PDB file of all heavy atoms in Angstrom:
ATOM      1  N   ASP A   1      15.153 -18.607  36.651  1.00  0.00           N
ATOM      2  CA  ASP A   1      14.914 -19.242  35.351  1.00  0.00           C
ATOM      3  C   ASP A   1      15.372 -18.338  34.208  1.00  0.00           C
ATOM      4  O   ASP A   1      15.988 -18.801  33.244  1.00  0.00           O
ATOM      5  CB  ASP A   1      13.427 -19.565  35.175  1.00  0.00           C
ATOM      6  CG  ASP A   1      12.942 -20.655  36.112  1.00  0.00           C
ATOM      7  OD1 ASP A   1      13.788 -21.401  36.656  1.00  0.00           O
ATOM      8  OD2 ASP A   1      11.710 -20.756  36.308  1.00  0.00           O
ATOM      9  N   ARG A   2      15.096 -17.051  34.311  1.00  0.00           N
ATOM     10  CA  ARG A   2      15.473 -16.105  33.250  1.00  0.00           C
ATOM     11  C   ARG A   2      16.979 -15.948  33.147  1.00  0.00           C
ATOM     12  O   ARG A   2      17.528 -15.805  32.051  1.00  0.00           O
ATOM     13  CB  ARG A   2      14.802 -14.758  33.496  1.00  0.00           C
ATOM     14  CG  ARG A   2      13.295 -14.843  33.342  1.00  0.00           C
ATOM     15  CD  ARG A   2      12.608 -13.573  33.747  1.00  0.00           C
ATOM     16  NE  ARG A   2      11.163 -13.803  33.864  1.00  0.00           N
ATOM     17  CZ  ARG A   2      10.325 -12.924  34.352  1.00  0.00           C
ATOM     18  NH1 ARG A   2      10.760 -11.728  34.757  1.00  0.00           N
ATOM     19  NH2 ARG A   2       9.047 -13.200  34.433  1.00  0.00           N
ATOM     20  N   LEU A   3      17.672 -15.954  34.287  1.00  0.00           N
ATOM     21  CA  LEU A   3      19.133 -15.877  34.263  1.00  0.00           C
ATOM     22  C   LEU A   3      19.725 -17.095  33.563  1.00  0.00           C
ATOM     23  O   LEU A   3      20.669 -16.972  32.778  1.00  0.00           O
ATOM     24  CB  LEU A   3      19.694 -15.758  35.680  1.00  0.00           C
ATOM     25  CG  LEU A   3      19.505 -14.414  36.368  1.00  0.00           C
ATOM     26  CD1 LEU A   3      19.878 -14.511  37.843  1.00  0.00           C
ATOM     27  CD2 LEU A   3      20.300 -13.322  35.678  1.00  0.00           C
ATOM     28  N   ASP A   4      19.165 -18.270  33.820  1.00  0.00           N
ATOM     29  CA  ASP A   4      19.644 -19.480  33.143  1.00  0.00           C
ATOM     30  C   ASP A   4      19.400 -19.410  31.640  1.00  0.00           C
ATOM     31  O   ASP A   4      20.274 -19.759  30.851  1.00  0.00           O
ATOM     32  CB  ASP A   4      18.968 -20.728  33.728  1.00  0.00           C
ATOM     33  CG  ASP A   4      19.593 -21.174  35.031  1.00  0.00           C
ATOM     34  OD1 ASP A   4      20.749 -20.766  35.324  1.00  0.00           O
ATOM     35  OD2 ASP A   4      18.934 -21.929  35.774  1.00  0.00           O
ATOM     36  N   LEU A   5      18.236 -18.940  31.237  1.00  0.00           N
ATOM     37  CA  LEU A   5      17.945 -18.803  29.801  1.00  0.00           C
ATOM     38  C   LEU A   5      18.896 -17.818  29.138  1.00  0.00           C
ATOM     39  O   LEU A   5      19.376 -18.053  28.022  1.00  0.00           O
ATOM     40  CB  LEU A   5      16.496 -18.348  29.583  1.00  0.00           C
ATOM     41  CG  LEU A   5      15.407 -19.374  29.826  1.00  0.00           C
ATOM     42  CD1 LEU A   5      14.032 -18.720  29.750  1.00  0.00           C
ATOM     43  CD2 LEU A   5      15.518 -20.507  28.812  1.00  0.00           C
ATOM     44  N   LEU A   6      19.162 -16.726  29.800  1.00  0.00           N
ATOM     45  CA  LEU A   6      20.040 -15.706  29.249  1.00  0.00           C
ATOM     46  C   LEU A   6      21.453 -16.227  29.048  1.00  0.00           C
ATOM     47  O   LEU A   6      22.107 -15.931  28.044  1.00  0.00           O
ATOM     48  CB  LEU A   6      20.043 -14.481  30.166  1.00  0.00           C
ATOM     49  CG  LEU A   6      20.787 -13.251  29.670  1.00  0.00           C
ATOM     50  CD1 LEU A   6      20.203 -12.753  28.356  1.00  0.00           C
ATOM     51  CD2 LEU A   6      20.712 -12.152  30.712  1.00  0.00           C
ATOM     52  N   ARG A   7      21.925 -17.034  29.971  1.00  0.00           N
ATOM     53  CA  ARG A   7      23.289 -17.584  29.867  1.00  0.00           C
ATOM     54  C   ARG A   7      23.477 -18.447  28.634  1.00  0.00           C
ATOM     55  O   ARG A   7      24.587 -18.586  28.142  1.00  0.00           O
ATOM     56  CB  ARG A   7      23.622 -18.409  31.113  1.00  0.00           C
ATOM     57  CG  ARG A   7      23.834 -17.540  32.334  1.00  0.00           C
ATOM     58  CD  ARG A   7      24.196 -18.340  33.540  1.00  0.00           C
ATOM     59  NE  ARG A   7      25.456 -19.046  33.319  1.00  0.00           N
ATOM     60  CZ  ARG A   7      25.802 -20.120  33.991  1.00  0.00           C
ATOM     61  NH1 ARG A   7      25.010 -20.634  34.895  1.00  0.00           N
ATOM     62  NH2 ARG A   7      26.972 -20.683  33.766  1.00  0.00           N
ATOM     63  N   TYR A   8      22.406 -19.051  28.150  1.00  0.00           N
ATOM     64  CA  TYR A   8      22.525 -19.941  27.000  1.00  0.00           C
ATOM     65  C   TYR A   8      22.030 -19.294  25.713  1.00  0.00           C
ATOM     66  O   TYR A   8      21.914 -19.945  24.699  1.00  0.00           O
ATOM     67  CB  TYR A   8      21.785 -21.258  27.279  1.00  0.00           C
ATOM     68  CG  TYR A   8      22.392 -21.960  28.462  1.00  0.00           C
ATOM     69  CD1 TYR A   8      21.724 -22.011  29.680  1.00  0.00           C
ATOM     70  CD2 TYR A   8      23.652 -22.539  28.381  1.00  0.00           C
ATOM     71  CE1 TYR A   8      22.290 -22.633  30.785  1.00  0.00           C
ATOM     72  CE2 TYR A   8      24.234 -23.149  29.479  1.00  0.00           C
ATOM     73  CZ  TYR A   8      23.545 -23.198  30.672  1.00  0.00           C
ATOM     74  OH  TYR A   8      24.110 -23.804  31.759  1.00  0.00           O
ATOM     75  N   GLY A   9      21.753 -18.015  25.741  1.00  0.00           N
ATOM     76  CA  GLY A   9      21.314 -17.289  24.557  1.00  0.00           C
ATOM     77  C   GLY A   9      22.393 -16.331  24.091  1.00  0.00           C
ATOM     78  O   GLY A   9      23.582 -16.511  24.357  1.00  0.00           O
ATOM     79  N   HIS A  10      21.984 -15.281  23.417  1.00  0.00           N
ATOM     80  CA  HIS A  10      22.903 -14.268  22.911  1.00  0.00           C
ATOM     81  C   HIS A  10      22.917 -13.073  23.851  1.00  0.00           C
ATOM     82  O   HIS A  10      22.428 -12.000  23.519  1.00  0.00           O
ATOM     83  CB  HIS A  10      22.502 -13.839  21.500  1.00  0.00           C
ATOM     84  CG  HIS A  10      22.620 -14.947  20.508  1.00  0.00           C
ATOM     85  ND1 HIS A  10      23.829 -15.321  19.978  1.00  0.00           N
ATOM     86  CD2 HIS A  10      21.699 -15.782  19.989  1.00  0.00           C
ATOM     87  CE1 HIS A  10      23.639 -16.330  19.162  1.00  0.00           C
ATOM     88  NE2 HIS A  10      22.359 -16.639  19.155  1.00  0.00           N
ATOM     89  N   GLY A  11      23.457 -13.291  25.021  1.00  0.00           N
ATOM     90  CA  GLY A  11      23.521 -12.210  25.990  1.00  0.00           C
ATOM     91  C   GLY A  11      24.100 -12.687  27.296  1.00  0.00           C
ATOM     92  O   GLY A  11      24.505 -13.843  27.448  1.00  0.00           O
ATOM     93  N   THR A  12      24.123 -11.777  28.251  1.00  0.00           N
ATOM     94  CA  THR A  12      24.638 -12.107  29.563  1.00  0.00           C
ATOM     95  C   THR A  12      24.087 -11.130  30.596  1.00  0.00           C
ATOM     96  O   THR A  12      23.654 -10.035  30.248  1.00  0.00           O
ATOM     97  CB  THR A  12      26.187 -12.087  29.587  1.00  0.00           C
ATOM     98  OG1 THR A  12      26.654 -12.641  30.803  1.00  0.00           O
ATOM     99  CG2 THR A  12      26.743 -10.688  29.399  1.00  0.00           C
ATOM    100  N   ALA A  13      24.105 -11.540  31.825  1.00  0.00           N
ATOM    101  CA  ALA A  13      23.796 -10.667  32.957  1.00  0.00           C
ATOM    102  C   ALA A  13      25.025 -10.690  33.850  1.00  0.00           C
ATOM    103  O   ALA A  13      25.520 -11.760  34.210  1.00  0.00           O
ATOM    104  CB  ALA A  13      22.570 -11.155  33.711  1.00  0.00           C
ATOM    105  N   LEU A  14      25.529  -9.510  34.171  1.00  0.00           N
ATOM    106  CA  LEU A  14      26.691  -9.391  35.040  1.00  0.00           C
ATOM    107  C   LEU A  14      26.257  -8.742  36.340  1.00  0.00           C
ATOM    108  O   LEU A  14      25.497  -7.765  36.325  1.00  0.00           O
ATOM    109  CB  LEU A  14      27.775  -8.554  34.363  1.00  0.00           C
ATOM    110  CG  LEU A  14      28.253  -9.068  33.002  1.00  0.00           C
ATOM    111  CD1 LEU A  14      29.195  -8.063  32.363  1.00  0.00           C
ATOM    112  CD2 LEU A  14      28.913 -10.427  33.147  1.00  0.00           C
ATOM    113  N   VAL A  15      26.733  -9.266  37.437  1.00  0.00           N
ATOM    114  CA  VAL A  15      26.340  -8.772  38.751  1.00  0.00           C
ATOM    115  C   VAL A  15      27.558  -8.192  39.461  1.00  0.00           C
ATOM    116  O   VAL A  15      28.675  -8.694  39.314  1.00  0.00           O
ATOM    117  CB  VAL A  15      25.679  -9.910  39.573  1.00  0.00           C
ATOM    118  CG1 VAL A  15      26.630 -11.041  39.842  1.00  0.00           C
ATOM    119  CG2 VAL A  15      25.093  -9.395  40.857  1.00  0.00           C
ATOM    120  N   ALA A  16      27.336  -7.103  40.183  1.00  0.00           N
ATOM    121  CA  ALA A  16      28.388  -6.489  41.002  1.00  0.00           C
ATOM    122  C   ALA A  16      28.124  -6.861  42.453  1.00  0.00           C
ATOM    123  O   ALA A  16      27.009  -6.692  42.950  1.00  0.00           O
ATOM    124  CB  ALA A  16      28.366  -4.965  40.834  1.00  0.00           C
ATOM    125  N   LEU A  17      29.147  -7.363  43.119  1.00  0.00           N
ATOM    126  CA  LEU A  17      29.020  -7.805  44.508  1.00  0.00           C
ATOM    127  C   LEU A  17      30.084  -7.149  45.365  1.00  0.00           C
ATOM    128  O   LEU A  17      31.243  -7.067  44.968  1.00  0.00           O
ATOM    129  CB  LEU A  17      29.196  -9.326  44.598  1.00  0.00           C
ATOM    130  CG  LEU A  17      28.202 -10.156  43.795  1.00  0.00           C
ATOM    131  CD1 LEU A  17      28.739 -11.544  43.565  1.00  0.00           C
ATOM    132  CD2 LEU A  17      26.887 -10.202  44.533  1.00  0.00           C
ATOM    133  N   GLU A  18      29.658  -6.700  46.552  1.00  0.00           N
ATOM    134  CA  GLU A  18      30.576  -6.137  47.546  1.00  0.00           C
ATOM    135  C   GLU A  18      30.184  -6.688  48.905  1.00  0.00           C
ATOM    136  O   GLU A  18      29.184  -6.262  49.460  1.00  0.00           O
ATOM    137  CB  GLU A  18      30.384  -4.632  47.676  1.00  0.00           C
ATOM    138  CG  GLU A  18      30.900  -3.766  46.618  1.00  0.00           C
ATOM    139  CD  GLU A  18      30.719  -2.320  47.039  1.00  0.00           C
ATOM    140  OE1 GLU A  18      29.582  -1.869  47.169  1.00  0.00           O
ATOM    141  OE2 GLU A  18      31.737  -1.657  47.246  1.00  0.00           O
ATOM    142  N   TRP A  19      30.898  -7.580  49.433  1.00  0.00           N
ATOM    143  CA  TRP A  19      30.703  -8.041  50.804  1.00  0.00           C
ATOM    144  C   TRP A  19      29.265  -8.398  51.172  1.00  0.00           C
ATOM    145  O   TRP A  19      28.853  -8.209  52.295  1.00  0.00           O
ATOM    146  CB  TRP A  19      31.190  -6.999  51.815  1.00  0.00           C
ATOM    147  CG  TRP A  19      32.379  -6.220  51.401  1.00  0.00           C
ATOM    148  CD1 TRP A  19      32.421  -4.886  51.175  1.00  0.00           C
ATOM    149  CD2 TRP A  19      33.683  -6.702  51.160  1.00  0.00           C
ATOM    150  NE1 TRP A  19      33.682  -4.511  50.798  1.00  0.00           N
ATOM    151  CE2 TRP A  19      34.487  -5.621  50.786  1.00  0.00           C
ATOM    152  CE3 TRP A  19      34.270  -7.951  51.193  1.00  0.00           C
ATOM    153  CZ2 TRP A  19      35.820  -5.741  50.468  1.00  0.00           C
ATOM    154  CZ3 TRP A  19      35.616  -8.065  50.875  1.00  0.00           C
ATOM    155  CH2 TRP A  19      36.354  -6.973  50.540  1.00  0.00           C
ATOM    156  N   GLY A  20      28.460  -8.811  50.281  1.00  0.00           N
ATOM    157  CA  GLY A  20      27.091  -9.170  50.642  1.00  0.00           C
ATOM    158  C   GLY A  20      26.199  -9.295  49.428  1.00  0.00           C
ATOM    159  O   GLY A  20      26.615  -9.784  48.391  1.00  0.00           O
ATOM    160  N   PRO A  21      24.953  -8.829  49.559  1.00  0.00           N
ATOM    161  CA  PRO A  21      24.020  -8.958  48.438  1.00  0.00           C
ATOM    162  C   PRO A  21      24.471  -8.124  47.244  1.00  0.00           C
ATOM    163  O   PRO A  21      25.305  -7.226  47.369  1.00  0.00           O
ATOM    164  CB  PRO A  21      22.695  -8.435  49.008  1.00  0.00           C
ATOM    165  CG  PRO A  21      23.045  -7.640  50.199  1.00  0.00           C
ATOM    166  CD  PRO A  21      24.356  -8.153  50.707  1.00  0.00           C
ATOM    167  N   PRO A  22      23.916  -8.409  46.064  1.00  0.00           N
ATOM    168  CA  PRO A  22      24.316  -7.680  44.860  1.00  0.00           C
ATOM    169  C   PRO A  22      24.138  -6.168  44.996  1.00  0.00           C
ATOM    170  O   PRO A  22      23.142  -5.689  45.534  1.00  0.00           O
ATOM    171  CB  PRO A  22      23.383  -8.233  43.787  1.00  0.00           C
ATOM    172  CG  PRO A  22      22.970  -9.571  44.285  1.00  0.00           C
ATOM    173  CD  PRO A  22      22.914  -9.434  45.777  1.00  0.00           C
ATOM    174  N   SER A  23      25.145  -5.444  44.506  1.00  0.00           N
ATOM    175  CA  SER A  23      25.109  -3.981  44.500  1.00  0.00           C
ATOM    176  C   SER A  23      24.547  -3.447  43.194  1.00  0.00           C
ATOM    177  O   SER A  23      24.070  -2.319  43.134  1.00  0.00           O
ATOM    178  CB  SER A  23      26.517  -3.421  44.668  1.00  0.00           C
ATOM    179  OG  SER A  23      27.084  -3.853  45.861  1.00  0.00           O
ATOM    180  N   GLY A  24      24.652  -4.246  42.116  1.00  0.00           N
ATOM    181  CA  GLY A  24      24.181  -3.796  40.814  1.00  0.00           C
ATOM    182  C   GLY A  24      24.146  -4.934  39.817  1.00  0.00           C
ATOM    183  O   GLY A  24      24.679  -6.017  40.059  1.00  0.00           O
ATOM    184  N   ILE A  25      23.516  -4.646  38.683  1.00  0.00           N
ATOM    185  CA  ILE A  25      23.412  -5.628  37.604  1.00  0.00           C
ATOM    186  C   ILE A  25      23.365  -4.889  36.273  1.00  0.00           C
ATOM    187  O   ILE A  25      22.838  -3.775  36.184  1.00  0.00           O
ATOM    188  CB  ILE A  25      22.156  -6.529  37.765  1.00  0.00           C
ATOM    189  CG1 ILE A  25      22.130  -7.614  36.678  1.00  0.00           C
ATOM    190  CG2 ILE A  25      20.882  -5.699  37.780  1.00  0.00           C
ATOM    191  CD1 ILE A  25      21.059  -8.677  36.880  1.00  0.00           C
ATOM    192  N   VAL A  26      23.937  -5.501  35.262  1.00  0.00           N
ATOM    193  CA  VAL A  26      23.800  -5.033  33.886  1.00  0.00           C
ATOM    194  C   VAL A  26      23.406  -6.245  33.049  1.00  0.00           C
ATOM    195  O   VAL A  26      23.951  -7.335  33.215  1.00  0.00           O
ATOM    196  CB  VAL A  26      25.101  -4.363  33.358  1.00  0.00           C
ATOM    197  CG1 VAL A  26      26.271  -5.314  33.321  1.00  0.00           C
ATOM    198  CG2 VAL A  26      24.869  -3.742  31.988  1.00  0.00           C
ATOM    199  N   VAL A  27      22.400  -6.056  32.203  1.00  0.00           N
ATOM    200  CA  VAL A  27      21.946  -7.112  31.298  1.00  0.00           C
ATOM    201  C   VAL A  27      22.240  -6.656  29.886  1.00  0.00           C
ATOM    202  O   VAL A  27      21.922  -5.525  29.500  1.00  0.00           O
ATOM    203  CB  VAL A  27      20.442  -7.414  31.488  1.00  0.00           C
ATOM    204  CG1 VAL A  27      19.988  -8.490  30.511  1.00  0.00           C
ATOM    205  CG2 VAL A  27      20.163  -7.843  32.917  1.00  0.00           C
ATOM    206  N   LEU A  28      22.853  -7.538  29.122  1.00  0.00           N
ATOM    207  CA  LEU A  28      23.358  -7.230  27.797  1.00  0.00           C
ATOM    208  C   LEU A  28      22.905  -8.297  26.813  1.00  0.00           C
ATOM    209  O   LEU A  28      22.962  -9.485  27.120  1.00  0.00           O
ATOM    210  CB  LEU A  28      24.891  -7.206  27.896  1.00  0.00           C
ATOM    211  CG  LEU A  28      25.722  -6.941  26.685  1.00  0.00           C
ATOM    212  CD1 LEU A  28      25.559  -5.483  26.265  1.00  0.00           C
ATOM    213  CD2 LEU A  28      27.189  -7.213  27.014  1.00  0.00           C
ATOM    214  N   HIS A  29      22.451  -7.865  25.646  1.00  0.00           N
ATOM    215  CA  HIS A  29      22.063  -8.776  24.562  1.00  0.00           C
ATOM    216  C   HIS A  29      22.816  -8.362  23.307  1.00  0.00           C
ATOM    217  O   HIS A  29      23.079  -7.175  23.112  1.00  0.00           O
ATOM    218  CB  HIS A  29      20.551  -8.674  24.265  1.00  0.00           C
ATOM    219  CG  HIS A  29      19.697  -8.993  25.437  1.00  0.00           C
ATOM    220  ND1 HIS A  29      19.276 -10.259  25.717  1.00  0.00           N
ATOM    221  CD2 HIS A  29      19.203  -8.199  26.408  1.00  0.00           C
ATOM    222  CE1 HIS A  29      18.535 -10.232  26.818  1.00  0.00           C
ATOM    223  NE2 HIS A  29      18.483  -8.994  27.259  1.00  0.00           N
ATOM    224  N   TRP A  30      23.149  -9.312  22.448  1.00  0.00           N
ATOM    225  CA  TRP A  30      23.761  -8.946  21.173  1.00  0.00           C
ATOM    226  C   TRP A  30      23.041  -9.657  20.048  1.00  0.00           C
ATOM    227  O   TRP A  30      22.458 -10.727  20.225  1.00  0.00           O
ATOM    228  CB  TRP A  30      25.261  -9.212  21.141  1.00  0.00           C
ATOM    229  CG  TRP A  30      25.703 -10.541  21.668  1.00  0.00           C
ATOM    230  CD1 TRP A  30      25.740 -11.724  21.016  1.00  0.00           C
ATOM    231  CD2 TRP A  30      26.191 -10.801  22.986  1.00  0.00           C
ATOM    232  NE1 TRP A  30      26.209 -12.704  21.831  1.00  0.00           N
ATOM    233  CE2 TRP A  30      26.500 -12.165  23.041  1.00  0.00           C
ATOM    234  CE3 TRP A  30      26.396 -10.015  24.122  1.00  0.00           C
ATOM    235  CZ2 TRP A  30      27.016 -12.767  24.190  1.00  0.00           C
ATOM    236  CZ3 TRP A  30      26.901 -10.604  25.256  1.00  0.00           C
ATOM    237  CH2 TRP A  30      27.208 -11.971  25.288  1.00  0.00           C
ATOM    238  N   TYR A  31      23.079  -8.999  18.886  1.00  0.00           N
ATOM    239  CA  TYR A  31      22.336  -9.489  17.736  1.00  0.00           C
ATOM    240  C   TYR A  31      22.958  -8.934  16.460  1.00  0.00           C
ATOM    241  O   TYR A  31      23.598  -7.882  16.472  1.00  0.00           O
ATOM    242  CB  TYR A  31      20.867  -9.072  17.832  1.00  0.00           C
ATOM    243  CG  TYR A  31      20.675  -7.583  18.028  1.00  0.00           C
ATOM    244  CD1 TYR A  31      20.562  -6.730  16.940  1.00  0.00           C
ATOM    245  CD2 TYR A  31      20.629  -7.035  19.305  1.00  0.00           C
ATOM    246  CE1 TYR A  31      20.412  -5.363  17.112  1.00  0.00           C
ATOM    247  CE2 TYR A  31      20.471  -5.678  19.491  1.00  0.00           C
ATOM    248  CZ  TYR A  31      20.363  -4.846  18.390  1.00  0.00           C
ATOM    249  OH  TYR A  31      20.223  -3.492  18.572  1.00  0.00           O
ATOM    250  N   PRO A  32      22.769  -9.655  15.319  1.00  0.00           N
ATOM    251  CA  PRO A  32      23.270  -9.130  14.048  1.00  0.00           C
ATOM    252  C   PRO A  32      22.406  -7.949  13.596  1.00  0.00           C
ATOM    253  O   PRO A  32      21.211  -7.891  13.888  1.00  0.00           O
ATOM    254  CB  PRO A  32      23.128 -10.316  13.090  1.00  0.00           C
ATOM    255  CG  PRO A  32      22.150 -11.224  13.723  1.00  0.00           C
ATOM    256  CD  PRO A  32      22.167 -10.966  15.200  1.00  0.00           C
ATOM    257  N   ALA A  33      23.024  -7.013  12.913  1.00  0.00           N
ATOM    258  CA  ALA A  33      22.309  -5.854  12.381  1.00  0.00           C
ATOM    259  C   ALA A  33      22.620  -5.736  10.896  1.00  0.00           C
ATOM    260  O   ALA A  33      23.765  -5.949  10.478  1.00  0.00           O
ATOM    261  CB  ALA A  33      22.733  -4.586  13.111  1.00  0.00           C
ATOM    262  N   LEU A  34      21.629  -5.426  10.105  1.00  0.00           N
ATOM    263  CA  LEU A  34      21.822  -5.328   8.665  1.00  0.00           C
ATOM    264  C   LEU A  34      22.737  -4.175   8.269  1.00  0.00           C
ATOM    265  O   LEU A  34      23.466  -4.265   7.290  1.00  0.00           O
ATOM    266  CB  LEU A  34      20.464  -5.168   7.959  1.00  0.00           C
ATOM    267  CG  LEU A  34      19.538  -6.369   8.043  1.00  0.00           C
ATOM    268  CD1 LEU A  34      18.218  -6.059   7.352  1.00  0.00           C
ATOM    269  CD2 LEU A  34      20.191  -7.595   7.418  1.00  0.00           C
ATOM    270  N   GLU A  35      22.714  -3.090   9.030  1.00  0.00           N
ATOM    271  CA  GLU A  35      23.485  -1.912   8.648  1.00  0.00           C
ATOM    272  C   GLU A  35      24.931  -1.923   9.144  1.00  0.00           C
ATOM    273  O   GLU A  35      25.682  -1.008   8.866  1.00  0.00           O
ATOM    274  CB  GLU A  35      22.771  -0.635   9.118  1.00  0.00           C
ATOM    275  CG  GLU A  35      22.736  -0.438  10.616  1.00  0.00           C
ATOM    276  CD  GLU A  35      21.625  -1.181  11.343  1.00  0.00           C
ATOM    277  OE1 GLU A  35      20.842  -1.915  10.706  1.00  0.00           O
ATOM    278  OE2 GLU A  35      21.534  -1.034  12.572  1.00  0.00           O
ATOM    279  N   GLN A  36      25.332  -2.962   9.876  1.00  0.00           N
ATOM    280  CA  GLN A  36      26.692  -3.038  10.400  1.00  0.00           C
ATOM    281  C   GLN A  36      27.287  -4.412  10.141  1.00  0.00           C
ATOM    282  O   GLN A  36      26.576  -5.414  10.169  1.00  0.00           O
ATOM    283  CB  GLN A  36      26.704  -2.763  11.897  1.00  0.00           C
ATOM    284  CG  GLN A  36      26.273  -1.361  12.247  1.00  0.00           C
ATOM    285  CD  GLN A  36      26.362  -1.103  13.738  1.00  0.00           C
ATOM    286  OE1 GLN A  36      27.086  -1.772  14.451  1.00  0.00           O
ATOM    287  NE2 GLN A  36      25.632  -0.109  14.210  1.00  0.00           N
ATOM    288  N   ALA A  37      28.590  -4.446   9.925  1.00  0.00           N
ATOM    289  CA  ALA A  37      29.273  -5.712   9.650  1.00  0.00           C
ATOM    290  C   ALA A  37      29.357  -6.596  10.896  1.00  0.00           C
ATOM    291  O   ALA A  37      29.323  -7.814  10.800  1.00  0.00           O
ATOM    292  CB  ALA A  37      30.674  -5.450   9.114  1.00  0.00           C
ATOM    293  N   SER A  38      29.478  -5.987  12.065  1.00  0.00           N
ATOM    294  CA  SER A  38      29.599  -6.763  13.299  1.00  0.00           C
ATOM    295  C   SER A  38      28.309  -6.667  14.102  1.00  0.00           C
ATOM    296  O   SER A  38      27.527  -5.724  13.938  1.00  0.00           O
ATOM    297  CB  SER A  38      30.784  -6.255  14.120  1.00  0.00           C
ATOM    298  OG  SER A  38      30.650  -4.881  14.385  1.00  0.00           O
ATOM    299  N   PRO A  39      28.069  -7.620  14.981  1.00  0.00           N
ATOM    300  CA  PRO A  39      26.855  -7.574  15.800  1.00  0.00           C
ATOM    301  C   PRO A  39      26.808  -6.313  16.666  1.00  0.00           C
ATOM    302  O   PRO A  39      27.828  -5.682  16.935  1.00  0.00           O
ATOM    303  CB  PRO A  39      26.968  -8.822  16.686  1.00  0.00           C
ATOM    304  CG  PRO A  39      27.943  -9.710  15.999  1.00  0.00           C
ATOM    305  CD  PRO A  39      28.873  -8.810  15.259  1.00  0.00           C
ATOM    306  N   VAL A  40      25.617  -5.995  17.120  1.00  0.00           N
ATOM    307  CA  VAL A  40      25.369  -4.857  17.992  1.00  0.00           C
ATOM    308  C   VAL A  40      25.027  -5.401  19.376  1.00  0.00           C
ATOM    309  O   VAL A  40      24.289  -6.374  19.495  1.00  0.00           O
ATOM    310  CB  VAL A  40      24.194  -4.005  17.461  1.00  0.00           C
ATOM    311  CG1 VAL A  40      23.792  -2.939  18.457  1.00  0.00           C
ATOM    312  CG2 VAL A  40      24.550  -3.395  16.122  1.00  0.00           C
TER     313      VAL A  40
END
């Protein structure tokens, strides 16, 4: 459920796969910041 919510929000989860179950994951979110012109 959380992976589905993340896909439709401001972020993503990326999975690393090698010949079987996941080897790793990175979860990333982005958002506007007042002190920078581009999102963080």
